[in-house]
Structure formats: structure tokens, C-alpha cells
Amino acid sequence: MNAMQARALAAEVLAGIAPEADLATVREDEDLRAALDLDSMDFMNFVIGLSERSGRAISEADTPRLHTLRGLFAYLAAR
């Protein structure tokens, strides 16, 4: 999965959790939770959605790597 595919997947999953959130406004190194006003439950639902839609298991220990777009893209591309 490349960065463009990862961005599209993240936007798709996010639309189901926080439809008003816009990934286009988030810098690659910015904390997604703060930038998109996601509480811990929303973020976990986001991670679960990414896991389900990508077909890749994401362990709870790996979730800190997904806090930024840069980390999220790198994580998904490597898996």
C-alpha cells in the first residue's frame, strides 16, 4: 500500500467515525487525535476500521505509530 492508498483508506474510515473531520487540514507530523478532535474511543474505532478495511491486524502496541499521518502511512506501507 502506498501513501496515496493509505490516505484514501484513512479518509474512508474516518468518514464513518467523524464525518466532519478533514484529513486535508492535517499536517503529516501533526497528532491526528488533537487535529481532528478524536477522543480515545474514536481513535480506537479508527484503528479497528483501518485494520478491518486493510485486512492487516494492528496490535494495540502499534497504535502509537498511527498518531500521525506520516506514521500511519509508513506503518501501512510496511505491512
Protein backbone atom coordinates (compact mmCIF):
# COMPACT_ATOMS: atom_id res chain seq x y z
CA MET A 1 0.00 0.00 0.00
CA ASN A 2 1.44 3.37 -0.94
CA ALA A 3 0.87 6.72 0.82
CA MET A 4 -1.94 7.74 -1.54
CA GLN A 5 -3.81 4.48 -0.92
CA ALA A 6 -3.22 4.82 2.83
CA ARG A 7 -4.59 8.39 2.79
CA ALA A 8 -7.69 7.27 0.87
CA LEU A 9 -8.24 4.38 3.28
CA ALA A 10 -7.79 6.64 6.32
CA ALA A 11 -10.22 9.21 4.89
CA GLU A 12 -12.78 6.50 4.16
CA VAL A 13 -12.58 5.01 7.66
CA LEU A 14 -12.57 8.43 9.27
CA ALA A 15 -15.72 9.44 7.38
CA GLY A 16 -17.61 6.72 9.22
CA ILE A 17 -16.35 7.83 12.63
CA ALA A 18 -16.09 11.61 12.38
CA PRO A 19 -17.72 12.75 9.12
CA GLU A 20 -16.84 16.39 9.79
CA ALA A 21 -13.10 15.61 10.06
CA ASP A 22 -10.96 16.58 7.08
CA LEU A 23 -7.59 14.89 6.63
CA ALA A 24 -6.61 17.57 4.12
CA THR A 25 -6.23 20.01 7.01
CA VAL A 26 -3.82 17.77 8.94
CA ARG A 27 -0.04 18.10 8.56
CA GLU A 28 1.86 14.82 8.22
CA ASP A 29 3.60 15.27 11.58
CA GLU A 30 0.56 16.56 13.49
CA ASP A 31 -1.19 14.38 16.08
CA LEU A 32 -4.36 13.11 14.41
CA ARG A 33 -6.26 12.89 17.67
CA ALA A 34 -5.74 16.55 18.50
CA ALA A 35 -6.02 17.84 14.93
CA LEU A 36 -9.31 16.04 14.29
CA ASP A 37 -10.67 16.24 17.84
CA LEU A 38 -10.86 12.45 18.22
CA ASP A 39 -11.37 11.08 21.69
CA SER A 40 -9.74 7.80 22.70
CA MET A 41 -12.79 5.75 21.68
CA ASP A 42 -12.99 7.43 18.27
CA PHE A 43 -9.29 6.80 17.71
CA MET A 44 -9.60 3.13 18.66
CA ASN A 45 -12.57 2.80 16.28
CA PHE A 46 -10.40 4.43 13.61
CA VAL A 47 -7.62 1.89 14.23
CA ILE A 48 -10.09 -1.01 14.20
CA GLY A 49 -11.58 0.30 10.96
CA LEU A 50 -8.13 0.59 9.38
CA SER A 51 -7.37 -2.95 10.43
CA GLU A 52 -10.64 -4.34 9.07
CA ARG A 53 -10.56 -2.41 5.78
CA SER A 54 -6.87 -3.06 5.08
CA GLY A 55 -7.00 -6.73 6.08
CA ARG A 56 -3.97 -6.13 8.30
CA ALA A 57 -4.05 -6.85 12.00
CA ILE A 58 -2.99 -3.81 14.03
CA SER A 59 -1.96 -4.61 17.56
CA GLU A 60 -2.73 -2.25 20.41
CA ALA A 61 1.01 -1.88 20.98
CA ASP A 62 1.35 -0.44 17.45
CA THR A 63 -1.32 2.26 17.83
CA PRO A 64 1.15 5.00 18.90
CA ARG A 65 2.76 4.63 15.47
CA LEU A 66 -0.56 5.70 13.94
CA HIS A 67 -0.89 9.01 15.78
CA THR A 68 0.42 10.99 12.80
CA LEU A 69 -0.26 10.69 9.08
CA ARG A 70 3.45 10.11 8.47
CA GLY A 71 3.45 7.24 10.95
CA LEU A 72 0.18 5.84 9.65
CA PHE A 73 1.39 5.87 6.04
CA ALA A 74 4.72 4.27 6.96
CA TYR A 75 3.01 1.61 9.08
CA LEU A 76 0.51 0.63 6.41
CA ALA A 77 3.09 0.69 3.62
CA ALA A 78 5.41 -1.61 5.57
CA ARG A 79 2.75 -4.22 6.28
